[in-house]
Protein backbone atom coordinates (compact mmCIF):
# COMPACT_ATOMS: atom_id res chain seq x y z
CA MET A 1 10.53 -10.90 -11.74
CA ALA A 2 13.20 -11.54 -14.38
CA LYS A 3 14.10 -14.87 -12.81
CA THR A 4 10.44 -15.91 -12.52
CA SER A 5 9.90 -15.00 -16.18
CA GLU A 6 12.85 -17.15 -17.23
CA LEU A 7 11.57 -20.09 -15.19
CA TRP A 8 8.15 -19.91 -16.83
CA GLU A 9 9.88 -20.01 -20.24
CA LYS A 10 11.54 -23.21 -19.03
CA ILE A 11 8.16 -24.63 -17.92
CA PHE A 12 6.45 -23.87 -21.24
CA THR A 13 9.33 -25.54 -23.10
CA ALA A 14 9.34 -28.60 -20.84
CA LYS A 15 5.54 -29.00 -21.13
CA ASN A 16 5.69 -28.42 -24.90
CA TYR A 17 2.42 -26.48 -24.87
CA ASP A 18 0.59 -25.93 -28.15
CA LEU A 19 0.46 -22.13 -28.15
CA THR A 20 -2.41 -22.04 -30.64
CA THR A 21 -4.81 -23.41 -28.01
CA ASP A 22 -6.54 -21.31 -25.35
CA LEU A 23 -6.18 -23.57 -22.33
CA HIS A 24 -3.50 -25.61 -20.56
CA PHE A 25 -3.32 -27.11 -17.08
CA ILE A 26 -0.37 -27.44 -14.73
CA THR A 27 0.00 -28.62 -11.14
CA ALA A 28 1.97 -27.08 -8.31
CA ASP A 29 4.09 -30.24 -8.22
CA GLU A 30 5.00 -29.84 -11.90
CA ILE A 31 5.91 -26.18 -11.36
CA LYS A 32 8.16 -27.20 -8.48
CA GLN A 33 9.72 -30.13 -10.36
CA ILE A 34 10.56 -28.14 -13.50
CA SER A 35 11.49 -24.74 -12.02
CA LEU A 36 12.82 -25.85 -8.59
CA ALA A 37 11.04 -22.73 -7.31
CA GLU A 38 8.22 -22.27 -4.81
CA PRO A 39 4.90 -22.67 -6.71
CA ARG A 40 3.18 -20.03 -4.58
CA ILE A 41 5.75 -17.43 -5.66
CA MET A 42 5.71 -18.59 -9.29
CA ALA A 43 1.90 -18.27 -9.37
CA LYS A 44 1.73 -14.78 -7.84
CA MET A 45 0.49 -12.57 -10.67
CA ASP A 46 -1.69 -9.92 -9.01
CA SER A 47 -1.37 -7.33 -11.77
CA SER A 48 -0.50 -7.42 -15.47
CA SER A 49 2.99 -6.11 -14.66
CA ASP A 50 3.63 -9.41 -12.84
CA LEU A 51 2.98 -11.52 -15.94
CA PRO A 52 6.02 -13.45 -17.22
CA ASP A 53 7.00 -12.66 -20.80
CA VAL A 54 5.76 -15.99 -22.18
CA PHE A 55 2.28 -15.21 -20.81
CA LYS A 56 2.30 -11.69 -22.28
CA ARG A 57 3.45 -12.85 -25.72
CA ASN A 58 0.69 -15.43 -25.97
CA GLY A 59 -2.18 -13.61 -24.23
CA TYR A 60 -2.37 -16.01 -21.28
CA PHE A 61 -2.91 -15.51 -17.58
CA LEU A 62 -3.00 -17.93 -14.65
CA LEU A 63 -5.99 -19.05 -12.57
CA PRO A 64 -6.19 -21.65 -9.81
CA VAL A 65 -8.88 -24.25 -10.51
CA LYS A 66 -8.28 -26.80 -7.74
CA ASN A 67 -6.08 -27.02 -4.69
CA GLY A 68 -2.65 -27.48 -6.30
CA GLU A 69 -3.80 -27.13 -9.92
CA TYR A 70 -3.78 -24.12 -12.25
CA ALA A 71 -5.25 -23.20 -15.62
CA ILE A 72 -3.17 -21.25 -18.11
CA VAL A 73 -5.95 -19.57 -20.07
CA ARG A 74 -6.02 -17.09 -22.93
CA GLY A 75 -8.08 -14.01 -22.29
CA LYS A 76 -8.36 -10.72 -20.42
CA GLY A 77 -7.30 -11.52 -16.87
CA PHE A 78 -6.90 -8.03 -15.40
CA HIS A 79 -9.08 -4.99 -14.85
CA GLN A 80 -7.62 -1.50 -15.20
CA LEU A 81 -8.51 0.76 -12.31
CA GLU A 82 -10.68 3.70 -13.24
CA ALA A 83 -9.78 7.30 -12.35
CA LYS A 84 -10.15 8.21 -8.68
CA GLY A 85 -13.28 9.90 -7.42
CA THR A 86 -13.80 13.48 -6.27
CA LEU A 87 -11.94 13.91 -2.98
CA ILE A 88 -14.05 14.34 0.15
CA ASN A 89 -13.20 14.42 3.84
CA HIS A 90 -14.75 12.14 6.43
CA GLU A 91 -14.56 13.09 10.09
CA SER A 92 -13.92 10.02 12.18
CA ARG A 93 -16.70 8.99 14.54
CA ILE A 94 -14.08 7.78 17.03
CA ASN A 95 -13.98 10.05 20.08
CA PHE A 96 -10.89 8.46 21.62
CA ASN A 97 -7.53 7.09 20.58
CA LEU A 98 -7.60 3.46 19.40
CA THR A 99 -4.48 2.32 21.24
CA THR A 100 -4.32 -1.04 19.44
CA ALA A 101 -4.79 0.35 15.92
CA GLY A 102 -2.00 1.12 13.46
CA ARG A 103 0.54 -1.30 14.89
CA GLY A 104 2.07 -1.98 11.47
CA SER A 105 2.19 -0.52 7.97
CA SER A 106 0.03 -3.05 6.10
CA GLU A 107 -3.12 -2.33 4.13
CA MET A 108 -5.20 -4.01 6.84
CA GLN A 109 -4.41 -1.27 9.35
CA TYR A 110 -5.85 1.37 7.02
CA LEU A 111 -8.80 -0.74 5.94
CA ASP A 112 -9.71 -1.42 9.58
CA TYR A 113 -9.44 2.28 10.37
CA SER A 114 -11.72 3.18 7.44
CA PHE A 115 -14.31 0.78 8.90
CA ASN A 116 -13.90 1.80 12.55
CA SER A 117 -14.04 5.51 11.67
CA GLY A 118 -17.40 5.03 9.93
CA ALA A 119 -16.04 5.99 6.51
CA LEU A 120 -16.81 2.64 4.90
CA GLU A 121 -20.46 2.61 5.97
CA ASN A 122 -20.71 6.23 4.84
CA ILE A 123 -19.48 5.67 1.28
CA LEU A 124 -21.42 2.43 0.81
CA GLY A 125 -24.59 3.88 2.28
CA ILE A 126 -25.09 0.68 4.29
CA SER A 127 -25.39 0.72 8.07
CA PRO A 128 -24.83 -1.11 10.25
CA LEU A 129 -22.13 -3.39 8.85
CA TYR A 130 -20.43 -6.10 10.88
CA GLN A 131 -17.01 -7.65 10.35
CA SER A 132 -17.82 -11.29 9.55
CA ILE A 133 -15.26 -12.58 7.02
CA ARG A 134 -11.50 -12.48 7.06
CA GLY A 135 -8.67 -14.79 6.11
CA ARG A 136 -8.46 -18.01 4.14
CA GLU A 137 -11.03 -20.63 3.30
CA TYR A 138 -11.67 -23.05 0.45
CA SER A 139 -14.14 -22.17 -2.27
CA LYS A 140 -17.38 -23.84 -3.22
CA GLN A 141 -17.56 -25.31 -6.71
CA PHE A 142 -18.62 -23.04 -9.58
CA ARG A 143 -18.30 -22.78 -13.36
CA PHE A 144 -17.60 -19.72 -15.49
CA MET A 145 -16.37 -18.59 -18.88
CA VAL A 146 -13.21 -16.76 -19.91
CA ASN A 147 -13.97 -15.77 -23.50
CA LYS A 148 -15.08 -19.11 -24.99
CA THR A 149 -13.22 -21.25 -22.44
CA GLU A 150 -15.20 -22.84 -19.64
CA LEU A 151 -13.47 -23.46 -16.32
CA ASN A 152 -14.69 -25.49 -13.37
CA VAL A 153 -13.31 -24.27 -10.02
CA GLY A 154 -13.56 -26.00 -6.66
CA SER A 155 -11.69 -26.15 -3.35
CA VAL A 156 -9.45 -23.25 -4.33
CA GLN A 157 -7.98 -21.33 -1.41
CA LEU A 158 -9.56 -17.89 -1.10
CA GLU A 159 -8.32 -15.00 1.00
CA VAL A 160 -10.68 -12.11 1.67
CA ASP A 161 -8.96 -9.07 3.17
CA SER A 162 -12.19 -7.98 4.79
CA GLY A 163 -15.78 -9.16 4.55
CA LEU A 164 -18.59 -7.13 6.10
CA GLU A 165 -22.21 -8.15 6.45
CA GLY A 166 -25.36 -6.09 6.69
CA GLU A 167 -28.98 -7.12 6.89
CA ASP A 168 -29.25 -7.84 3.16
CA THR A 169 -25.71 -7.23 1.86
CA ILE A 170 -22.24 -8.78 2.02
CA VAL A 171 -19.29 -6.52 1.18
CA LEU A 172 -16.08 -8.25 0.02
CA ILE A 173 -12.91 -6.12 -0.03
CA GLU A 174 -9.53 -6.64 -1.68
CA ALA A 175 -7.02 -4.19 -0.17
CA LYS A 176 -3.65 -2.79 -1.25
CA VAL A 177 -1.22 -0.16 -0.01
CA LYS A 178 -0.58 2.17 -2.96
CA THR A 179 -2.66 2.13 -6.12
CA PRO A 180 -1.68 -0.23 -8.95
CA GLU A 181 -2.62 0.32 -12.59
CA ASP A 182 -4.74 -2.82 -12.62
CA PHE A 183 -5.57 -5.96 -10.65
CA ILE A 184 -6.39 -9.58 -11.44
CA ILE A 185 -10.17 -9.95 -11.59
CA ARG A 186 -9.94 -13.29 -9.75
CA GLN A 187 -9.33 -11.44 -6.46
CA LEU A 188 -12.94 -10.22 -6.54
CA PHE A 189 -14.58 -12.78 -8.86
CA TYR A 190 -13.75 -15.94 -6.88
CA PRO A 191 -14.95 -14.63 -3.48
CA TYR A 192 -18.02 -13.18 -5.21
CA ASN A 193 -19.02 -16.59 -6.63
CA HIS A 194 -18.17 -18.42 -3.42
CA PHE A 195 -20.34 -16.18 -1.22
CA LYS A 196 -23.18 -16.15 -3.78
CA ILE A 197 -23.39 -19.87 -3.01
CA VAL A 198 -22.86 -19.47 0.75
CA SER A 199 -25.48 -16.72 1.06
CA PRO A 200 -27.70 -16.73 -2.05
CA ASP A 201 -30.31 -14.34 -0.65
CA LYS A 202 -27.92 -11.47 0.02
CA LYS A 203 -26.51 -8.94 -2.40
CA ILE A 204 -22.73 -9.31 -2.85
CA VAL A 205 -20.77 -6.05 -3.26
CA PRO A 206 -17.12 -6.45 -4.44
CA VAL A 207 -14.83 -3.55 -3.49
CA PHE A 208 -11.22 -2.84 -4.41
CA PHE A 209 -9.55 -0.62 -1.77
CA THR A 210 -6.22 1.18 -1.83
CA TYR A 211 -4.49 3.46 0.65
CA GLU A 212 -1.93 6.03 -0.51
CA PRO A 213 0.41 6.88 2.39
CA ASN A 214 1.83 10.07 0.84
CA ALA A 215 -1.57 11.73 0.46
CA LYS A 216 -3.25 9.79 3.32
CA LEU A 217 -5.88 8.94 0.74
CA TYR A 218 -8.46 6.14 1.04
CA ASN A 219 -9.78 4.93 -2.34
CA PHE A 220 -12.75 2.60 -2.88
CA TRP A 221 -13.76 1.15 -6.26
CA ILE A 222 -17.23 -0.37 -5.89
CA TYR A 223 -18.02 -3.02 -8.53
CA GLU A 224 -20.68 -5.48 -9.60
CA PHE A 225 -20.59 -8.62 -11.73
CA THR A 226 -23.46 -8.52 -14.20
CA ASP A 227 -23.11 -12.25 -14.91
CA GLN A 228 -21.64 -14.53 -12.25
CA THR A 229 -20.71 -17.10 -14.93
CA ASN A 230 -18.69 -14.56 -16.97
CA TYR A 231 -15.22 -13.71 -15.62
CA ASN A 232 -15.13 -10.45 -17.61
CA SER A 233 -18.55 -9.13 -16.56
CA ILE A 234 -17.04 -6.80 -13.95
CA ARG A 235 -18.56 -3.32 -14.04
CA LEU A 236 -17.77 -0.21 -12.02
CA LYS A 237 -20.64 1.25 -10.00
CA GLU A 238 -18.82 4.06 -8.18
CA VAL A 239 -15.39 5.35 -7.11
CA ARG A 240 -14.98 7.17 -3.81
CA SER A 241 -11.78 8.84 -2.59
CA LEU A 242 -11.50 10.41 0.84
CA THR A 243 -9.31 11.58 3.64
CA ILE A 244 -10.22 10.81 7.25
CA SER A 245 -9.73 13.59 9.76
CA SER A 246 -9.01 12.81 13.39
CA LYS A 247 -10.25 14.71 16.41
CA HIS A 248 -6.79 14.42 17.95
CA GLY A 249 -4.18 17.08 17.19
CA LEU A 250 -0.88 18.48 18.39
CA GLU A 251 -0.07 22.14 18.98
CA LEU A 252 3.22 23.50 17.60
CA SER A 253 4.26 24.48 21.13
CA ASP A 254 3.80 20.85 22.22
CA ILE A 255 6.53 19.56 19.87
CA LYS A 256 9.56 18.73 22.03
CA PRO A 257 12.75 17.38 20.43
CA LYS A 258 13.50 13.88 21.67
CA GLY A 259 17.27 14.32 21.56
CA ASN A 260 17.87 10.97 19.84
CA VAL A 261 18.91 12.26 16.41
CA VAL A 262 22.36 11.00 15.46
CA TYR A 263 23.15 13.60 12.80
CA LYS A 264 21.33 16.88 13.49
CA ASP A 265 22.74 18.78 10.50
CA LEU A 266 21.29 16.44 7.87
CA ILE A 267 19.96 18.21 4.77
CA PRO A 268 17.56 15.54 3.52
CA GLN A 269 17.39 14.06 0.05
CA ALA A 270 14.61 11.57 0.87
CA ASN A 271 11.28 13.17 -0.07
CA ASP A 272 8.84 10.69 1.45
CA LEU A 273 8.84 10.37 5.24
CA ASN A 274 6.28 7.55 5.07
CA LYS A 275 8.88 5.49 3.19
CA VAL A 276 11.48 6.31 5.85
CA THR A 277 9.10 4.89 8.47
CA GLU A 278 8.24 1.92 6.26
CA LEU A 279 11.95 1.20 5.83
CA VAL A 280 12.27 0.85 9.62
CA PHE A 281 9.32 -1.59 9.63
CA LYS A 282 10.93 -3.66 6.87
CA VAL A 283 14.23 -3.82 8.73
CA ALA A 284 12.30 -4.97 11.80
CA GLU A 285 10.78 -7.69 9.57
CA LYS A 286 14.30 -8.81 8.55
CA ILE A 287 14.24 -7.27 5.08
CA ASN A 288 17.61 -5.81 5.95
CA HIS A 289 20.02 -6.24 3.03
CA TYR A 290 20.39 -3.08 0.98
CA LYS A 291 19.60 -4.90 -2.29
CA ASP A 292 16.41 -6.44 -0.85
CA VAL A 293 15.34 -3.04 0.50
CA ALA A 294 15.97 -1.39 -2.89
CA GLU A 295 13.98 -4.14 -4.65
CA TYR A 296 11.07 -3.86 -2.19
CA PHE A 297 10.71 -0.10 -2.70
CA GLY A 298 11.66 -0.09 -6.38
CA PHE A 299 14.59 2.23 -5.63
CA ASP A 300 17.74 2.65 -7.63
CA GLU A 301 20.98 2.62 -5.65
CA ARG A 302 21.07 6.38 -5.19
CA GLN A 303 17.45 6.65 -3.98
CA SER A 304 18.01 3.77 -1.57
CA SER A 305 20.95 5.58 0.00
CA TYR A 306 18.82 8.70 0.59
CA TYR A 307 16.27 6.79 2.68
CA ARG A 308 18.89 4.77 4.54
CA GLU A 309 20.71 8.02 5.33
CA ALA A 310 17.53 9.65 6.72
CA ALA A 311 16.65 6.62 8.87
CA GLU A 312 20.23 6.47 10.18
CA ALA A 313 20.32 10.20 10.93
CA LEU A 314 17.10 9.82 12.93
CA GLY A 315 18.76 7.08 14.97
CA LEU A 316 16.23 4.44 13.82
CA ILE A 317 18.62 2.06 12.06
CA ILE A 318 22.33 1.48 11.65
CA SER A 319 24.04 -0.02 8.60
CA LYS A 320 27.20 -2.03 8.26
CA LYS A 321 28.51 -3.52 5.03
CA GLY A 322 25.10 -3.26 3.38
CA ILE A 323 23.19 -4.88 6.25
CA TYR A 324 20.70 -2.77 8.20
CA GLN A 325 19.90 -3.25 11.87
CA ILE A 326 17.09 -1.64 13.84
CA THR A 327 18.08 0.40 16.92
CA GLU A 328 16.31 0.59 20.26
CA ILE A 329 14.70 3.86 19.11
CA GLY A 330 13.59 2.12 15.93
CA LYS A 331 12.06 -0.71 17.97
CA GLN A 332 10.21 1.84 20.04
CA LEU A 333 8.85 3.49 16.88
CA VAL A 334 7.45 0.28 15.36
CA SER A 335 5.80 -0.70 18.65
CA LEU A 336 3.61 2.41 18.72
CA THR A 337 0.09 2.93 17.37
CA ALA A 338 -0.17 4.88 14.10
CA GLU A 339 -1.12 8.14 15.80
CA LYS A 340 1.53 7.90 18.52
CA ARG A 341 4.09 6.78 15.93
CA ASN A 342 3.47 9.93 13.86
CA PHE A 343 3.89 12.22 16.88
CA PHE A 344 7.02 10.30 17.86
CA MET A 345 8.43 10.97 14.38
CA VAL A 346 7.49 14.66 14.61
CA GLU A 347 9.48 14.99 17.83
CA LEU A 348 12.45 13.15 16.29
CA LEU A 349 12.36 15.42 13.24
CA SER A 350 12.19 18.58 15.33
CA ASP A 351 15.69 17.80 16.59
CA PHE A 352 17.16 18.39 13.11
CA THR A 353 18.83 21.80 12.88
CA LEU A 354 16.96 22.84 9.72
CA ILE A 355 13.57 21.60 10.93
CA LYS A 356 14.04 23.47 14.21
CA GLU A 357 15.00 26.60 12.24
CA GLY A 358 11.87 26.33 10.10
CA LEU A 359 9.58 25.80 13.09
CA ASP A 360 11.13 28.81 14.84
CA ILE A 361 10.44 30.99 11.78
CA LEU A 362 6.88 29.65 11.62
CA LYS A 363 6.31 30.43 15.30
CA GLY A 364 7.93 33.85 14.97
CA LYS A 365 6.16 35.33 11.93
CA GLY A 366 3.27 32.91 11.46
CA ASN A 367 4.35 31.63 8.06
CA LEU A 368 7.20 29.82 6.31
CA THR A 369 8.02 29.94 2.59
CA GLN A 370 10.31 27.89 0.37
CA THR A 371 12.42 31.03 0.01
CA ASP A 372 12.90 31.01 3.81
CA ILE A 373 13.91 27.37 3.65
CA GLU A 374 16.37 27.95 0.81
CA GLN A 375 17.90 30.86 2.71
CA PHE A 376 18.58 28.93 5.90
CA ILE A 377 19.97 25.99 3.88
CA ARG A 378 22.32 28.50 2.27
CA ASN A 379 23.29 29.87 5.70
CA LYS A 380 23.77 26.48 7.37
CA SER A 381 25.65 24.64 4.62
CA ARG A 382 28.18 24.89 1.83
CA LEU A 383 25.64 23.98 -0.83
CA THR A 384 25.30 26.24 -3.87
CA GLY A 385 23.43 26.60 -7.14
CA SER A 386 20.56 24.30 -8.14
CA THR A 387 21.34 21.90 -5.27
CA ILE A 388 19.76 24.33 -2.77
CA PRO A 389 16.21 24.36 -4.26
CA ARG A 390 16.36 20.56 -4.71
CA ARG A 391 17.20 20.05 -1.04
CA ALA A 392 14.63 22.70 -0.08
CA ALA A 393 11.97 20.68 -1.94
CA SER A 394 12.79 17.68 0.26
CA LEU A 395 12.47 19.83 3.38
CA VAL A 396 9.17 21.23 2.12
CA SER A 397 7.86 17.64 1.81
CA TRP A 398 8.96 16.97 5.41
CA PHE A 399 7.19 20.10 6.68
CA LYS A 400 4.07 19.11 4.69
CA TRP A 401 4.08 15.73 6.40
CA MET A 402 4.45 17.39 9.80
CA SER A 403 1.57 19.77 9.06
CA GLU A 404 -0.72 16.86 8.09
CA VAL A 405 0.20 14.83 11.17
CA THR A 406 -0.01 17.60 13.78
CA GLY A 407 -2.76 19.76 12.30
CA SER A 408 -1.04 22.75 13.92
CA PHE A 409 -0.12 24.46 10.64
CA VAL A 410 -1.27 24.22 7.03
CA PHE A 411 0.22 24.48 3.53
CA GLU A 412 -1.65 26.96 1.35
CA GLU A 413 -0.51 28.49 -1.95
CA SER A 414 3.10 27.35 -1.41
CA ILE A 415 3.25 28.88 2.10
CA PHE A 416 3.12 27.16 5.49
CA LYS A 417 0.82 29.06 7.85
CA LEU A 418 -0.09 28.69 11.51
CA LYS A 419 -3.73 27.78 12.09
């Protein structure tokens, strides 16, 4: 981001923009010529945190207006996400395992599952809905206002993450993994205007969707635009947050160690097992230099080493001179469906000495406390003092993840209990 910000400073200087005016235009070719950077990357400003400093100082944001042309316009470009809704649970309508679902870790996997499970129709109160829009297309021509500035947009490339159609409604969804503080209104406003022209007789419902891997939480912000010619007329209608329960589970007695763990005596420092799995996916996608991995996750150097260490101990990756490589076990993991991948991870984890110890205690007396975990860390290691409860907290997060995935035990009032 720092480099992009510096390059935009260079562009503003080269173009000699009058910063007292509300509107400037620039082409992709000019961005490329002045910055020597890829225009697509330079123009990616999906949230206010992405704005280069020169935009922030002068109250500007960037909007495409034609294929290869952008407007630098002064005004409110982003919408802050409202607080999440009251959490509910939706029981999936799927009576069998979707063997082709969950092949990756992108937002589309979770959005598709929310649709296939019936959750999306449930929260929208519209049924049936049919998947009818996805991917890129070029917009129709439309005019709108940003404050007192009028813009004319046409043939701009749109990308709808998912578009669903009912008898009298079209639902347009922008999807993200993890929940940002805000988003650029364009992501909903442009598709909204385009499909108002394509299908004028149907109601258009814009939805912003996020999935939070840690909590396995599906969030839906349902909006309306009260004036299709006013960029800032976005209004919230409803927020819905839910978990989706599966009819498939795993008994504690069914968990069999796979025997592939490289370092069984690891005492973990990585708290988030979803990030450990995501790290393996990123390495498979050739994001494999330790600096690139740290930048992707927003880790500092110490945090990054915790997650690399966990993935290595599980036998999923190897590292050499700061370069990560996926192992055969790692390749097997990323090839599985989401459900099978989670059970695969459970069986890998159960081969760790401390995880096995905790599961044995749970089977033996029906519950497991953090005090139990701290005690067997103390017995199995040379750790002392405040380090023990810190490491125990990481193990607690691993057991929580296992309880959510298997459904064979629960976490209540700081105690793991058999169901």
